[in-house]
């Protein structure tokens, strides 16, 4: 039982990879995905972020998921939990059969109200809205339209190769 718990903890830890920032089209990343030209430029007041995933074979991709985190850098007190009222919604790219994503909602921080000890330093922190988990697909870019001043970060999740049986009851 103890070994099973340790193994489960190690699997959980291995599921989480580093959170990486998506790259804005205005950045220096060279997004050369041939399908990228199907996606329109960002509208006024928006930025287009693109994630190009590392190539995986079709059978391998079933074991992976991508978590998208909309957010922005904010000064926080380092004590209270802060969230944004934003979320990522999927939209169809008409005429192509592709999907793109758009960050919607208010980018105002909501916070718990715990007392902050005197002398606590403010911290510059990435504050996120509601995350969205999508299927891994290395053949297409992930395109997200984001209001200016906001960011998108992402994580790649990998499932364990073994399945555990559920107990009936």
C-alpha atoms as a PDB file:
ATOM      1  CA  UNK A   1       0.000   0.000   0.000  1.00  0.00           C
ATOM      2  CA  UNK A   2       2.792   2.416   0.936  1.00  0.00           C
ATOM      3  CA  UNK A   3       4.664   1.667  -2.317  1.00  0.00           C
ATOM      4  CA  UNK A   4       1.432   2.239  -4.233  1.00  0.00           C
ATOM      5  CA  UNK A   5       1.021   5.676  -2.622  1.00  0.00           C
ATOM      6  CA  UNK A   6       4.618   6.602  -3.381  1.00  0.00           C
ATOM      7  CA  UNK A   7       4.204   5.443  -6.979  1.00  0.00           C
ATOM      8  CA  UNK A   8       0.983   7.455  -7.294  1.00  0.00           C
ATOM      9  CA  UNK A   9       2.716  10.561  -5.942  1.00  0.00           C
ATOM     10  CA  UNK A  10       5.619  10.143  -8.374  1.00  0.00           C
ATOM     11  CA  UNK A  11       3.201   9.704 -11.278  1.00  0.00           C
ATOM     12  CA  UNK A  12       1.309  12.838 -10.259  1.00  0.00           C
ATOM     13  CA  UNK A  13       4.522  14.839 -10.052  1.00  0.00           C
ATOM     14  CA  UNK A  14       5.649  13.551 -13.449  1.00  0.00           C
ATOM     15  CA  UNK A  15       2.312  14.629 -14.960  1.00  0.00           C
ATOM     16  CA  UNK A  16       3.139  18.279 -14.456  1.00  0.00           C
ATOM     17  CA  UNK A  17       5.686  19.876 -16.726  1.00  0.00           C
ATOM     18  CA  UNK A  18       6.767  23.480 -16.534  1.00  0.00           C
ATOM     19  CA  UNK A  19       4.312  26.209 -17.388  1.00  0.00           C
ATOM     20  CA  UNK A  20       5.482  27.859 -20.595  1.00  0.00           C
ATOM     21  CA  UNK A  21       4.387  31.195 -22.011  1.00  0.00           C
ATOM     22  CA  UNK A  22       2.626  31.177 -25.376  1.00  0.00           C
ATOM     23  CA  UNK A  23       4.309  33.435 -27.874  1.00  0.00           C
ATOM     24  CA  UNK A  24       2.636  36.525 -29.271  1.00  0.00           C
ATOM     25  CA  UNK A  25       2.773  37.015 -33.012  1.00  0.00           C
ATOM     26  CA  UNK A  26       4.499  40.294 -32.220  1.00  0.00           C
ATOM     27  CA  UNK A  27       7.326  38.416 -30.499  1.00  0.00           C
ATOM     28  CA  UNK A  28      10.472  37.124 -32.130  1.00  0.00           C
ATOM     29  CA  UNK A  29       9.320  33.487 -32.320  1.00  0.00           C
ATOM     30  CA  UNK A  30       9.175  32.256 -35.899  1.00  0.00           C
ATOM     31  CA  UNK A  31       5.838  30.438 -36.233  1.00  0.00           C
ATOM     32  CA  UNK A  32       6.141  28.680 -39.581  1.00  0.00           C
ATOM     33  CA  UNK A  33       3.179  26.309 -39.246  1.00  0.00           C
ATOM     34  CA  UNK A  34       1.729  26.118 -42.763  1.00  0.00           C
ATOM     35  CA  UNK A  35      -1.818  26.084 -41.327  1.00  0.00           C
ATOM     36  CA  UNK A  36      -1.193  29.362 -39.464  1.00  0.00           C
ATOM     37  CA  UNK A  37      -2.060  31.413 -42.548  1.00  0.00           C
ATOM     38  CA  UNK A  38      -5.687  30.203 -42.235  1.00  0.00           C
ATOM     39  CA  UNK A  39      -6.073  32.129 -38.970  1.00  0.00           C
ATOM     40  CA  UNK A  40      -6.880  35.847 -39.204  1.00  0.00           C
ATOM     41  CA  UNK A  41      -4.727  38.582 -37.722  1.00  0.00           C
ATOM     42  CA  UNK A  42      -5.750  39.872 -34.300  1.00  0.00           C
ATOM     43  CA  UNK A  43      -8.584  42.406 -34.193  1.00  0.00           C
ATOM     44  CA  UNK A  44      -8.071  45.898 -32.763  1.00  0.00           C
ATOM     45  CA  UNK A  45      -7.328  45.715 -29.041  1.00  0.00           C
ATOM     46  CA  UNK A  46      -6.357  42.037 -29.258  1.00  0.00           C
ATOM     47  CA  UNK A  47      -3.124  40.069 -29.718  1.00  0.00           C
ATOM     48  CA  UNK A  48      -2.715  36.671 -31.359  1.00  0.00           C
ATOM     49  CA  UNK A  49      -0.728  34.093 -29.404  1.00  0.00           C
ATOM     50  CA  UNK A  50       0.462  30.876 -31.040  1.00  0.00           C
ATOM     51  CA  UNK A  51       1.605  27.608 -29.467  1.00  0.00           C
ATOM     52  CA  UNK A  52       3.447  25.095 -31.658  1.00  0.00           C
ATOM     53  CA  UNK A  53       3.604  21.774 -29.831  1.00  0.00           C
ATOM     54  CA  UNK A  54       6.488  19.305 -30.186  1.00  0.00           C
ATOM     55  CA  UNK A  55       5.705  16.590 -32.749  1.00  0.00           C
ATOM     56  CA  UNK A  56       4.237  13.331 -31.481  1.00  0.00           C
ATOM     57  CA  UNK A  57       2.931  10.353 -33.437  1.00  0.00           C
ATOM     58  CA  UNK A  58      -0.856   9.977 -33.572  1.00  0.00           C
ATOM     59  CA  UNK A  59      -0.936   7.099 -31.088  1.00  0.00           C
ATOM     60  CA  UNK A  60       1.293   9.004 -28.643  1.00  0.00           C
ATOM     61  CA  UNK A  61      -0.865  12.143 -28.620  1.00  0.00           C
ATOM     62  CA  UNK A  62      -3.720  10.332 -26.850  1.00  0.00           C
ATOM     63  CA  UNK A  63      -1.640  10.278 -23.659  1.00  0.00           C
ATOM     64  CA  UNK A  64      -1.182  14.076 -23.613  1.00  0.00           C
ATOM     65  CA  UNK A  65      -3.358  17.111 -22.863  1.00  0.00           C
ATOM     66  CA  UNK A  66      -2.613  20.835 -23.045  1.00  0.00           C
ATOM     67  CA  UNK A  67      -3.781  23.197 -20.292  1.00  0.00           C
ATOM     68  CA  UNK A  68      -4.170  26.831 -21.380  1.00  0.00           C
ATOM     69  CA  UNK A  69      -3.973  29.507 -18.668  1.00  0.00           C
ATOM     70  CA  UNK A  70      -5.113  33.047 -19.505  1.00  0.00           C
ATOM     71  CA  UNK A  71      -3.748  35.733 -17.207  1.00  0.00           C
ATOM     72  CA  UNK A  72      -1.539  38.728 -16.664  1.00  0.00           C
ATOM     73  CA  UNK A  73       1.280  39.900 -14.432  1.00  0.00           C
ATOM     74  CA  UNK A  74      -0.021  41.756 -11.370  1.00  0.00           C
ATOM     75  CA  UNK A  75       1.257  43.048  -8.064  1.00  0.00           C
ATOM     76  CA  UNK A  76      -0.114  40.850  -5.263  1.00  0.00           C
ATOM     77  CA  UNK A  77       0.368  40.804  -1.516  1.00  0.00           C
ATOM     78  CA  UNK A  78       1.800  37.266  -1.592  1.00  0.00           C
ATOM     79  CA  UNK A  79      -0.720  36.094   1.016  1.00  0.00           C
ATOM     80  CA  UNK A  80      -4.147  36.130  -0.620  1.00  0.00           C
ATOM     81  CA  UNK A  81      -5.166  34.000  -3.593  1.00  0.00           C
ATOM     82  CA  UNK A  82      -5.907  36.158  -6.619  1.00  0.00           C
ATOM     83  CA  UNK A  83      -7.821  35.079  -9.743  1.00  0.00           C
ATOM     84  CA  UNK A  84      -9.063  36.861 -12.832  1.00  0.00           C
ATOM     85  CA  UNK A  85     -12.609  36.705 -14.176  1.00  0.00           C
ATOM     86  CA  UNK A  86     -11.340  35.562 -17.585  1.00  0.00           C
ATOM     87  CA  UNK A  87     -11.744  32.286 -19.399  1.00  0.00           C
ATOM     88  CA  UNK A  88     -10.819  30.775 -22.738  1.00  0.00           C
ATOM     89  CA  UNK A  89     -13.619  29.904 -25.150  1.00  0.00           C
ATOM     90  CA  UNK A  90     -13.252  27.769 -28.275  1.00  0.00           C
ATOM     91  CA  UNK A  91     -14.482  29.126 -31.599  1.00  0.00           C
ATOM     92  CA  UNK A  92     -14.747  27.433 -35.013  1.00  0.00           C
ATOM     93  CA  UNK A  93     -12.650  28.828 -37.848  1.00  0.00           C
ATOM     94  CA  UNK A  94     -15.351  28.931 -40.509  1.00  0.00           C
ATOM     95  CA  UNK A  95     -14.487  27.253 -43.779  1.00  0.00           C
ATOM     96  CA  UNK A  96     -11.461  25.408 -42.378  1.00  0.00           C
ATOM     97  CA  UNK A  97     -12.700  23.007 -39.718  1.00  0.00           C
ATOM     98  CA  UNK A  98     -10.080  24.302 -37.281  1.00  0.00           C
ATOM     99  CA  UNK A  99     -10.609  25.689 -33.806  1.00  0.00           C
ATOM    100  CA  UNK A 100      -9.162  28.857 -32.340  1.00  0.00           C
ATOM    101  CA  UNK A 101      -9.532  30.220 -28.818  1.00  0.00           C
ATOM    102  CA  UNK A 102     -10.477  33.607 -27.428  1.00  0.00           C
ATOM    103  CA  UNK A 103      -9.975  34.993 -23.925  1.00  0.00           C
ATOM    104  CA  UNK A 104     -13.209  36.536 -22.654  1.00  0.00           C
ATOM    105  CA  UNK A 105     -14.414  38.044 -19.380  1.00  0.00           C
ATOM    106  CA  UNK A 106     -13.129  40.714 -17.041  1.00  0.00           C
ATOM    107  CA  UNK A 107      -9.414  40.908 -16.304  1.00  0.00           C
ATOM    108  CA  UNK A 108     -10.030  42.410 -12.866  1.00  0.00           C
ATOM    109  CA  UNK A 109      -8.385  40.560  -9.990  1.00  0.00           C
ATOM    110  CA  UNK A 110     -10.596  38.889  -7.376  1.00  0.00           C
ATOM    111  CA  UNK A 111      -8.921  38.056  -4.098  1.00  0.00           C
ATOM    112  CA  UNK A 112      -9.436  36.319  -0.801  1.00  0.00           C
ATOM    113  CA  UNK A 113      -9.489  38.777   2.096  1.00  0.00           C
ATOM    114  CA  UNK A 114      -6.981  37.365   4.598  1.00  0.00           C
ATOM    115  CA  UNK A 115      -5.077  39.815   6.733  1.00  0.00           C
ATOM    116  CA  UNK A 116      -1.592  40.612   5.486  1.00  0.00           C
ATOM    117  CA  UNK A 117       1.158  40.750   8.125  1.00  0.00           C
ATOM    118  CA  UNK A 118       2.855  44.121   8.483  1.00  0.00           C
ATOM    119  CA  UNK A 119       6.004  44.449   6.406  1.00  0.00           C
ATOM    120  CA  UNK A 120       4.943  41.872   3.800  1.00  0.00           C
ATOM    121  CA  UNK A 121       6.466  42.699   0.423  1.00  0.00           C
ATOM    122  CA  UNK A 122       4.265  42.936  -2.670  1.00  0.00           C
ATOM    123  CA  UNK A 123       5.104  40.438  -5.411  1.00  0.00           C
ATOM    124  CA  UNK A 124       4.850  40.602  -9.197  1.00  0.00           C
ATOM    125  CA  UNK A 125       2.913  37.393  -9.964  1.00  0.00           C
ATOM    126  CA  UNK A 126       1.227  35.727 -12.931  1.00  0.00           C
ATOM    127  CA  UNK A 127      -2.471  35.783 -12.003  1.00  0.00           C
ATOM    128  CA  UNK A 128      -4.620  33.450 -14.068  1.00  0.00           C
ATOM    129  CA  UNK A 129      -8.244  33.157 -15.011  1.00  0.00           C
ATOM    130  CA  UNK A 130     -10.107  29.902 -15.563  1.00  0.00           C
ATOM    131  CA  UNK A 131      -7.877  27.359 -17.342  1.00  0.00           C
ATOM    132  CA  UNK A 132      -8.991  25.257 -20.314  1.00  0.00           C
ATOM    133  CA  UNK A 133      -7.693  21.756 -21.052  1.00  0.00           C
ATOM    134  CA  UNK A 134      -7.645  20.622 -24.682  1.00  0.00           C
ATOM    135  CA  UNK A 135      -6.462  17.592 -26.643  1.00  0.00           C
ATOM    136  CA  UNK A 136      -2.824  17.482 -27.742  1.00  0.00           C
ATOM    137  CA  UNK A 137      -2.476  17.966 -31.509  1.00  0.00           C
ATOM    138  CA  UNK A 138       1.011  18.636 -32.824  1.00  0.00           C
ATOM    139  CA  UNK A 139      -0.173  18.897 -36.437  1.00  0.00           C
ATOM    140  CA  UNK A 140      -1.983  22.224 -35.912  1.00  0.00           C
ATOM    141  CA  UNK A 141      -0.961  25.390 -34.074  1.00  0.00           C
ATOM    142  CA  UNK A 142      -2.970  26.435 -31.026  1.00  0.00           C
ATOM    143  CA  UNK A 143      -4.105  29.993 -31.771  1.00  0.00           C
ATOM    144  CA  UNK A 144      -5.455  32.182 -28.960  1.00  0.00           C
ATOM    145  CA  UNK A 145      -6.734  35.751 -29.320  1.00  0.00           C
ATOM    146  CA  UNK A 146      -6.109  37.722 -26.139  1.00  0.00           C
ATOM    147  CA  UNK A 147      -6.940  41.309 -25.094  1.00  0.00           C
ATOM    148  CA  UNK A 148      -3.815  43.505 -25.153  1.00  0.00           C
ATOM    149  CA  UNK A 149      -1.963  43.467 -21.847  1.00  0.00           C
ATOM    150  CA  UNK A 150      -2.887  39.873 -21.064  1.00  0.00           C
ATOM    151  CA  UNK A 151      -0.823  36.712 -21.515  1.00  0.00           C
ATOM    152  CA  UNK A 152      -1.363  33.010 -22.103  1.00  0.00           C
ATOM    153  CA  UNK A 153       0.724  30.295 -20.495  1.00  0.00           C
ATOM    154  CA  UNK A 154       0.362  26.571 -21.011  1.00  0.00           C
ATOM    155  CA  UNK A 155       1.232  23.215 -19.498  1.00  0.00           C
ATOM    156  CA  UNK A 156       1.518  19.826 -21.121  1.00  0.00           C
ATOM    157  CA  UNK A 157       0.057  16.953 -19.106  1.00  0.00           C
ATOM    158  CA  UNK A 158       1.017  13.322 -19.689  1.00  0.00           C
ATOM    159  CA  UNK A 159      -1.054  10.393 -18.493  1.00  0.00           C
ATOM    160  CA  UNK A 160       0.478   7.301 -16.958  1.00  0.00           C
ATOM    161  CA  UNK A 161       0.652   4.271 -19.259  1.00  0.00           C
ATOM    162  CA  UNK A 162      -1.061   1.975 -16.763  1.00  0.00           C
ATOM    163  CA  UNK A 163      -4.704   2.041 -15.781  1.00  0.00           C
ATOM    164  CA  UNK A 164      -5.901   1.377 -12.236  1.00  0.00           C
ATOM    165  CA  UNK A 165      -9.154  -0.484 -11.662  1.00  0.00           C
ATOM    166  CA  UNK A 166     -11.994   1.293  -9.866  1.00  0.00           C
ATOM    167  CA  UNK A 167     -13.631  -0.454  -6.929  1.00  0.00           C
ATOM    168  CA  UNK A 168     -17.306  -1.208  -7.207  1.00  0.00           C
ATOM    169  CA  UNK A 169     -19.460  -0.206  -4.332  1.00  0.00           C
END
